[in-house]
Amino acid sequence: MLTSGLNTGTATCPPGTVITGGGMKTPLGGNNLTVQPYESYPSAENTWTLSFNNSAGTSGSYVVYAICLPVTPTG
């Protein structure tokens, strides 16, 4: 749930994959001007973390997503 102020969420890739990127979306897509990204980074080999500020003073929903690729064994 999106609350007023600083929010942080994570997304995790399934076993056998590695994270290559990530982001977030709100019900209004990228046009929600009350949500400002603060940090967006891989916090582990398979986890993406995103922090953002909600300056609207109202609550809502958001989704943090991860972009994952399968790991191909070598050797």
PDB file of N, CA and C in Angstrom:
ATOM      1  N   MET A   1       0.842  -1.178   0.000  1.00  0.00           N
ATOM      2  CA  MET A   1       0.000   0.000   0.000  1.00  0.00           C
ATOM      3  C   MET A   1       0.885   1.238   0.000  1.00  0.00           C
ATOM      4  N   LEU A   2       0.584   2.156  -0.853  1.00  0.00           N
ATOM      5  CA  LEU A   2       1.287   3.423  -0.970  1.00  0.00           C
ATOM      6  C   LEU A   2       0.762   4.377   0.095  1.00  0.00           C
ATOM      7  N   THR A   3       1.650   4.895   0.934  1.00  0.00           N
ATOM      8  CA  THR A   3       1.254   5.849   1.962  1.00  0.00           C
ATOM      9  C   THR A   3       1.935   7.179   1.702  1.00  0.00           C
ATOM     10  N   SER A   4       1.496   8.212   2.377  1.00  0.00           N
ATOM     11  CA  SER A   4       2.116   9.514   2.252  1.00  0.00           C
ATOM     12  C   SER A   4       3.530   9.448   2.814  1.00  0.00           C
ATOM     13  N   GLY A   5       4.503  10.065   2.138  1.00  0.00           N
ATOM     14  CA  GLY A   5       5.883  10.059   2.588  1.00  0.00           C
ATOM     15  C   GLY A   5       6.720   9.039   1.844  1.00  0.00           C
ATOM     16  N   LEU A   6       7.826   8.619   2.464  1.00  0.00           N
ATOM     17  CA  LEU A   6       8.770   7.698   1.834  1.00  0.00           C
ATOM     18  C   LEU A   6       8.259   6.265   1.909  1.00  0.00           C
ATOM     19  N   ASN A   7       8.292   5.566   0.787  1.00  0.00           N
ATOM     20  CA  ASN A   7       7.868   4.169   0.673  1.00  0.00           C
ATOM     21  C   ASN A   7       9.001   3.362   0.057  1.00  0.00           C
ATOM     22  N   THR A   8       9.111   2.098   0.425  1.00  0.00           N
ATOM     23  CA  THR A   8      10.108   1.198  -0.156  1.00  0.00           C
ATOM     24  C   THR A   8       9.450  -0.138  -0.448  1.00  0.00           C
ATOM     25  N   GLY A   9       9.762  -0.697  -1.619  1.00  0.00           N
ATOM     26  CA  GLY A   9       9.249  -2.011  -1.990  1.00  0.00           C
ATOM     27  C   GLY A   9      10.329  -2.821  -2.677  1.00  0.00           C
ATOM     28  N   THR A  10      10.143  -4.132  -2.739  1.00  0.00           N
ATOM     29  CA  THR A  10      11.105  -5.010  -3.394  1.00  0.00           C
ATOM     30  C   THR A  10      10.384  -5.986  -4.312  1.00  0.00           C
ATOM     31  N   ALA A  11      11.147  -6.495  -5.278  1.00  0.00           N
ATOM     32  CA  ALA A  11      10.681  -7.569  -6.158  1.00  0.00           C
ATOM     33  C   ALA A  11      11.814  -8.574  -6.257  1.00  0.00           C
ATOM     34  N   THR A  12      11.483  -9.853  -6.302  1.00  0.00           N
ATOM     35  CA  THR A  12      12.485 -10.916  -6.290  1.00  0.00           C
ATOM     36  C   THR A  12      12.320 -11.818  -7.501  1.00  0.00           C
ATOM     37  N   CYS A  13      13.439 -12.183  -8.114  1.00  0.00           N
ATOM     38  CA  CYS A  13      13.441 -13.124  -9.233  1.00  0.00           C
ATOM     39  C   CYS A  13      13.342 -14.552  -8.696  1.00  0.00           C
ATOM     40  N   PRO A  14      12.739 -15.451  -9.471  1.00  0.00           N
ATOM     41  CA  PRO A  14      12.640 -16.845  -9.033  1.00  0.00           C
ATOM     42  C   PRO A  14      13.995 -17.557  -9.100  1.00  0.00           C
ATOM     43  N   PRO A  15      14.128 -18.698  -8.435  1.00  0.00           N
ATOM     44  CA  PRO A  15      15.373 -19.474  -8.498  1.00  0.00           C
ATOM     45  C   PRO A  15      15.728 -19.810  -9.949  1.00  0.00           C
ATOM     46  N   GLY A  16      17.022 -19.835 -10.236  1.00  0.00           N
ATOM     47  CA  GLY A  16      17.491 -20.151 -11.580  1.00  0.00           C
ATOM     48  C   GLY A  16      17.548 -18.949 -12.504  1.00  0.00           C
ATOM     49  N   THR A  17      17.304 -17.748 -11.950  1.00  0.00           N
ATOM     50  CA  THR A  17      17.371 -16.522 -12.743  1.00  0.00           C
ATOM     51  C   THR A  17      18.224 -15.489 -12.016  1.00  0.00           C
ATOM     52  N   VAL A  18      18.641 -14.467 -12.753  1.00  0.00           N
ATOM     53  CA  VAL A  18      19.350 -13.327 -12.167  1.00  0.00           C
ATOM     54  C   VAL A  18      18.593 -12.061 -12.545  1.00  0.00           C
ATOM     55  N   ILE A  19      18.721 -11.063 -11.712  1.00  0.00           N
ATOM     56  CA  ILE A  19      18.030  -9.800 -11.954  1.00  0.00           C
ATOM     57  C   ILE A  19      18.857  -8.934 -12.897  1.00  0.00           C
ATOM     58  N   THR A  20      18.210  -8.310 -13.863  1.00  0.00           N
ATOM     59  CA  THR A  20      18.898  -7.423 -14.802  1.00  0.00           C
ATOM     60  C   THR A  20      18.366  -5.998 -14.740  1.00  0.00           C
ATOM     61  N   GLY A  21      17.273  -5.793 -14.022  1.00  0.00           N
ATOM     62  CA  GLY A  21      16.691  -4.459 -13.901  1.00  0.00           C
ATOM     63  C   GLY A  21      15.404  -4.517 -13.120  1.00  0.00           C
ATOM     64  N   GLY A  22      14.782  -3.362 -12.979  1.00  0.00           N
ATOM     65  CA  GLY A  22      13.515  -3.309 -12.268  1.00  0.00           C
ATOM     66  C   GLY A  22      12.945  -1.915 -12.287  1.00  0.00           C
ATOM     67  N   GLY A  23      11.812  -1.754 -11.648  1.00  0.00           N
ATOM     68  CA  GLY A  23      11.148  -0.462 -11.596  1.00  0.00           C
ATOM     69  C   GLY A  23       9.863  -0.561 -10.809  1.00  0.00           C
ATOM     70  N   MET A  24       8.981   0.427 -11.013  1.00  0.00           N
ATOM     71  CA  MET A  24       7.687   0.419 -10.335  1.00  0.00           C
ATOM     72  C   MET A  24       6.631   1.026 -11.230  1.00  0.00           C
ATOM     73  N   LYS A  25       5.374   0.710 -10.913  1.00  0.00           N
ATOM     74  CA  LYS A  25       4.266   1.364 -11.597  1.00  0.00           C
ATOM     75  C   LYS A  25       3.149   1.600 -10.595  1.00  0.00           C
ATOM     76  N   THR A  26       2.351   2.613 -10.874  1.00  0.00           N
ATOM     77  CA  THR A  26       1.175   2.929 -10.076  1.00  0.00           C
ATOM     78  C   THR A  26      -0.050   2.725 -10.956  1.00  0.00           C
ATOM     79  N   PRO A  27      -1.242   2.723 -10.396  1.00  0.00           N
ATOM     80  CA  PRO A  27      -2.434   2.552 -11.228  1.00  0.00           C
ATOM     81  C   PRO A  27      -2.550   3.599 -12.335  1.00  0.00           C
ATOM     82  N   LEU A  28      -1.953   4.765 -12.138  1.00  0.00           N
ATOM     83  CA  LEU A  28      -2.006   5.814 -13.152  1.00  0.00           C
ATOM     84  C   LEU A  28      -0.844   5.722 -14.127  1.00  0.00           C
ATOM     85  N   GLY A  29      -0.070   4.638 -14.072  1.00  0.00           N
ATOM     86  CA  GLY A  29       1.093   4.499 -14.951  1.00  0.00           C
ATOM     87  C   GLY A  29       2.177   5.468 -14.555  1.00  0.00           C
ATOM     88  N   GLY A  30       2.934   5.954 -15.514  1.00  0.00           N
ATOM     89  CA  GLY A  30       4.031   6.877 -15.241  1.00  0.00           C
ATOM     90  C   GLY A  30       3.592   8.319 -15.114  1.00  0.00           C
ATOM     91  N   ASN A  31       2.303   8.594 -15.182  1.00  0.00           N
ATOM     92  CA  ASN A  31       1.824   9.971 -15.163  1.00  0.00           C
ATOM     93  C   ASN A  31       1.390  10.448 -13.785  1.00  0.00           C
ATOM     94  N   ASN A  32       1.648   9.674 -12.748  1.00  0.00           N
ATOM     95  CA  ASN A  32       1.265  10.072 -11.401  1.00  0.00           C
ATOM     96  C   ASN A  32       2.322  11.028 -10.861  1.00  0.00           C
ATOM     97  N   LEU A  33       2.059  12.327 -10.933  1.00  0.00           N
ATOM     98  CA  LEU A  33       3.057  13.334 -10.586  1.00  0.00           C
ATOM     99  C   LEU A  33       3.279  13.483  -9.092  1.00  0.00           C
ATOM    100  N   THR A  34       2.505  12.782  -8.265  1.00  0.00           N
ATOM    101  CA  THR A  34       2.697  12.865  -6.820  1.00  0.00           C
ATOM    102  C   THR A  34       3.684  11.819  -6.318  1.00  0.00           C
ATOM    103  N   VAL A  35       4.183  10.942  -7.193  1.00  0.00           N
ATOM    104  CA  VAL A  35       5.138   9.900  -6.811  1.00  0.00           C
ATOM    105  C   VAL A  35       6.482  10.210  -7.465  1.00  0.00           C
ATOM    106  N   GLN A  36       7.497  10.475  -6.635  1.00  0.00           N
ATOM    107  CA  GLN A  36       8.829  10.774  -7.138  1.00  0.00           C
ATOM    108  C   GLN A  36       9.795   9.671  -6.725  1.00  0.00           C
ATOM    109  N   PRO A  37      10.443   8.997  -7.700  1.00  0.00           N
ATOM    110  CA  PRO A  37      11.424   7.962  -7.364  1.00  0.00           C
ATOM    111  C   PRO A  37      12.568   8.556  -6.540  1.00  0.00           C
ATOM    112  N   TYR A  38      13.048   7.785  -5.591  1.00  0.00           N
ATOM    113  CA  TYR A  38      14.154   8.195  -4.729  1.00  0.00           C
ATOM    114  C   TYR A  38      15.375   7.325  -4.994  1.00  0.00           C
ATOM    115  N   GLU A  39      15.221   6.010  -4.925  1.00  0.00           N
ATOM    116  CA  GLU A  39      16.290   5.053  -5.213  1.00  0.00           C
ATOM    117  C   GLU A  39      15.702   3.871  -5.970  1.00  0.00           C
ATOM    118  N   SER A  40      16.504   3.299  -6.879  1.00  0.00           N
ATOM    119  CA  SER A  40      16.099   2.110  -7.623  1.00  0.00           C
ATOM    120  C   SER A  40      17.374   1.343  -7.940  1.00  0.00           C
ATOM    121  N   TYR A  41      17.530   0.138  -7.332  1.00  0.00           N
ATOM    122  CA  TYR A  41      18.809  -0.559  -7.443  1.00  0.00           C
ATOM    123  C   TYR A  41      18.667  -2.050  -7.138  1.00  0.00           C
ATOM    124  N   PRO A  42      19.624  -2.875  -7.640  1.00  0.00           N
ATOM    125  CA  PRO A  42      19.644  -4.290  -7.250  1.00  0.00           C
ATOM    126  C   PRO A  42      20.237  -4.392  -5.844  1.00  0.00           C
ATOM    127  N   SER A  43      19.458  -4.901  -4.906  1.00  0.00           N
ATOM    128  CA  SER A  43      19.929  -4.993  -3.523  1.00  0.00           C
ATOM    129  C   SER A  43      20.495  -6.369  -3.191  1.00  0.00           C
ATOM    130  N   ALA A  44      20.349  -7.317  -4.103  1.00  0.00           N
ATOM    131  CA  ALA A  44      20.921  -8.659  -3.990  1.00  0.00           C
ATOM    132  C   ALA A  44      20.962  -9.242  -5.399  1.00  0.00           C
ATOM    133  N   GLU A  45      21.548 -10.424  -5.543  1.00  0.00           N
ATOM    134  CA  GLU A  45      21.661 -11.050  -6.859  1.00  0.00           C
ATOM    135  C   GLU A  45      20.300 -11.264  -7.514  1.00  0.00           C
ATOM    136  N   ASN A  46      19.255 -11.439  -6.700  1.00  0.00           N
ATOM    137  CA  ASN A  46      17.934 -11.718  -7.272  1.00  0.00           C
ATOM    138  C   ASN A  46      16.832 -10.783  -6.749  1.00  0.00           C
ATOM    139  N   THR A  47      17.201  -9.615  -6.194  1.00  0.00           N
ATOM    140  CA  THR A  47      16.204  -8.702  -5.618  1.00  0.00           C
ATOM    141  C   THR A  47      16.411  -7.270  -6.097  1.00  0.00           C
ATOM    142  N   TRP A  48      15.309  -6.618  -6.471  1.00  0.00           N
ATOM    143  CA  TRP A  48      15.325  -5.207  -6.855  1.00  0.00           C
ATOM    144  C   TRP A  48      14.610  -4.412  -5.770  1.00  0.00           C
ATOM    145  N   THR A  49      15.215  -3.302  -5.329  1.00  0.00           N
ATOM    146  CA  THR A  49      14.630  -2.438  -4.309  1.00  0.00           C
ATOM    147  C   THR A  49      14.376  -1.063  -4.902  1.00  0.00           C
ATOM    148  N   LEU A  50      13.230  -0.500  -4.573  1.00  0.00           N
ATOM    149  CA  LEU A  50      12.876   0.822  -5.066  1.00  0.00           C
ATOM    150  C   LEU A  50      12.254   1.629  -3.937  1.00  0.00           C
ATOM    151  N   SER A  51      12.759   2.844  -3.730  1.00  0.00           N
ATOM    152  CA  SER A  51      12.199   3.771  -2.744  1.00  0.00           C
ATOM    153  C   SER A  51      11.681   4.995  -3.485  1.00  0.00           C
ATOM    154  N   PHE A  52      10.585   5.542  -3.005  1.00  0.00           N
ATOM    155  CA  PHE A  52       9.993   6.705  -3.656  1.00  0.00           C
ATOM    156  C   PHE A  52       9.206   7.512  -2.635  1.00  0.00           C
ATOM    157  N   ASN A  53       8.967   8.767  -2.970  1.00  0.00           N
ATOM    158  CA  ASN A  53       8.216   9.658  -2.100  1.00  0.00           C
ATOM    159  C   ASN A  53       6.823   9.886  -2.674  1.00  0.00           C
ATOM    160  N   ASN A  54       5.810   9.769  -1.841  1.00  0.00           N
ATOM    161  CA  ASN A  54       4.440  10.107  -2.215  1.00  0.00           C
ATOM    162  C   ASN A  54       4.103  11.430  -1.539  1.00  0.00           C
ATOM    163  N   SER A  55       4.056  12.507  -2.307  1.00  0.00           N
ATOM    164  CA  SER A  55       3.792  13.829  -1.731  1.00  0.00           C
ATOM    165  C   SER A  55       2.316  14.205  -1.766  1.00  0.00           C
ATOM    166  N   ALA A  56       1.444  13.284  -2.164  1.00  0.00           N
ATOM    167  CA  ALA A  56       0.021  13.599  -2.306  1.00  0.00           C
ATOM    168  C   ALA A  56      -0.718  13.664  -0.982  1.00  0.00           C
ATOM    169  N   GLY A  57      -0.246  12.958   0.015  1.00  0.00           N
ATOM    170  CA  GLY A  57      -0.973  12.907   1.274  1.00  0.00           C
ATOM    171  C   GLY A  57      -2.136  11.934   1.243  1.00  0.00           C
ATOM    172  N   THR A  58      -2.248  11.157   0.181  1.00  0.00           N
ATOM    173  CA  THR A  58      -3.288  10.133   0.069  1.00  0.00           C
ATOM    174  C   THR A  58      -2.628   8.780  -0.142  1.00  0.00           C
ATOM    175  N   SER A  59      -3.358   7.713   0.136  1.00  0.00           N
ATOM    176  CA  SER A  59      -2.801   6.376  -0.049  1.00  0.00           C
ATOM    177  C   SER A  59      -3.283   5.790  -1.370  1.00  0.00           C
ATOM    178  N   GLY A  60      -2.644   4.720  -1.793  1.00  0.00           N
ATOM    179  CA  GLY A  60      -2.988   4.047  -3.040  1.00  0.00           C
ATOM    180  C   GLY A  60      -2.192   2.766  -3.150  1.00  0.00           C
ATOM    181  N   SER A  61      -2.042   2.255  -4.352  1.00  0.00           N
ATOM    182  CA  SER A  61      -1.298   1.011  -4.543  1.00  0.00           C
ATOM    183  C   SER A  61      -0.157   1.225  -5.529  1.00  0.00           C
ATOM    184  N   TYR A  62       0.821   0.349  -5.465  1.00  0.00           N
ATOM    185  CA  TYR A  62       1.942   0.374  -6.388  1.00  0.00           C
ATOM    186  C   TYR A  62       2.476  -1.038  -6.543  1.00  0.00           C
ATOM    187  N   VAL A  63       3.237  -1.257  -7.612  1.00  0.00           N
ATOM    188  CA  VAL A  63       3.867  -2.551  -7.872  1.00  0.00           C
ATOM    189  C   VAL A  63       5.333  -2.308  -8.194  1.00  0.00           C
ATOM    190  N   VAL A  64       6.228  -2.967  -7.467  1.00  0.00           N
ATOM    191  CA  VAL A  64       7.647  -2.984  -7.812  1.00  0.00           C
ATOM    192  C   VAL A  64       7.873  -4.248  -8.616  1.00  0.00           C
ATOM    193  N   TYR A  65       8.569  -4.129  -9.757  1.00  0.00           N
ATOM    194  CA  TYR A  65       8.795  -5.302 -10.598  1.00  0.00           C
ATOM    195  C   TYR A  65      10.279  -5.524 -10.843  1.00  0.00           C
ATOM    196  N   ALA A  66      10.620  -6.763 -11.135  1.00  0.00           N
ATOM    197  CA  ALA A  66      11.991  -7.161 -11.455  1.00  0.00           C
ATOM    198  C   ALA A  66      12.019  -7.723 -12.869  1.00  0.00           C
ATOM    199  N   ILE A  67      13.099  -7.448 -13.574  1.00  0.00           N
ATOM    200  CA  ILE A  67      13.339  -8.036 -14.893  1.00  0.00           C
ATOM    201  C   ILE A  67      14.384  -9.126 -14.689  1.00  0.00           C
ATOM    202  N   CYS A  68      14.024 -10.363 -14.997  1.00  0.00           N
ATOM    203  CA  CYS A  68      14.860 -11.524 -14.686  1.00  0.00           C
ATOM    204  C   CYS A  68      15.212 -12.289 -15.961  1.00  0.00           C
ATOM    205  N   LEU A  69      16.404 -12.845 -15.983  1.00  0.00           N
ATOM    206  CA  LEU A  69      16.846 -13.704 -17.084  1.00  0.00           C
ATOM    207  C   LEU A  69      17.278 -15.049 -16.529  1.00  0.00           C
ATOM    208  N   PRO A  70      17.021 -16.133 -17.276  1.00  0.00           N
ATOM    209  CA  PRO A  70      17.460 -17.448 -16.808  1.00  0.00           C
ATOM    210  C   PRO A  70      18.981 -17.552 -16.809  1.00  0.00           C
ATOM    211  N   VAL A  71      19.493 -18.280 -15.845  1.00  0.00           N
ATOM    212  CA  VAL A  71      20.928 -18.536 -15.749  1.00  0.00           C
ATOM    213  C   VAL A  71      21.233 -19.782 -16.565  1.00  0.00           C
ATOM    214  N   THR A  72      22.227 -19.685 -17.443  1.00  0.00           N
ATOM    215  CA  THR A  72      22.645 -20.832 -18.241  1.00  0.00           C
ATOM    216  C   THR A  72      23.919 -21.405 -17.628  1.00  0.00           C
ATOM    217  N   PRO A  73      23.880 -22.649 -17.173  1.00  0.00           N
ATOM    218  CA  PRO A  73      25.084 -23.259 -16.600  1.00  0.00           C
ATOM    219  C   PRO A  73      26.203 -23.340 -17.644  1.00  0.00           C
ATOM    220  N   THR A  74      27.427 -23.124 -17.200  1.00  0.00           N
ATOM    221  CA  THR A  74      28.583 -23.242 -18.094  1.00  0.00           C
ATOM    222  C   THR A  74      29.395 -24.464 -17.701  1.00  0.00           C
ATOM    223  N   GLY A  75      30.163 -24.925 -18.652  1.00  0.00           N
ATOM    224  CA  GLY A  75      31.076 -26.012 -18.354  1.00  0.00           C
ATOM    225  C   GLY A  75      30.572 -27.292 -18.802  1.00  0.00           C
TER     226      GLY A  75
END
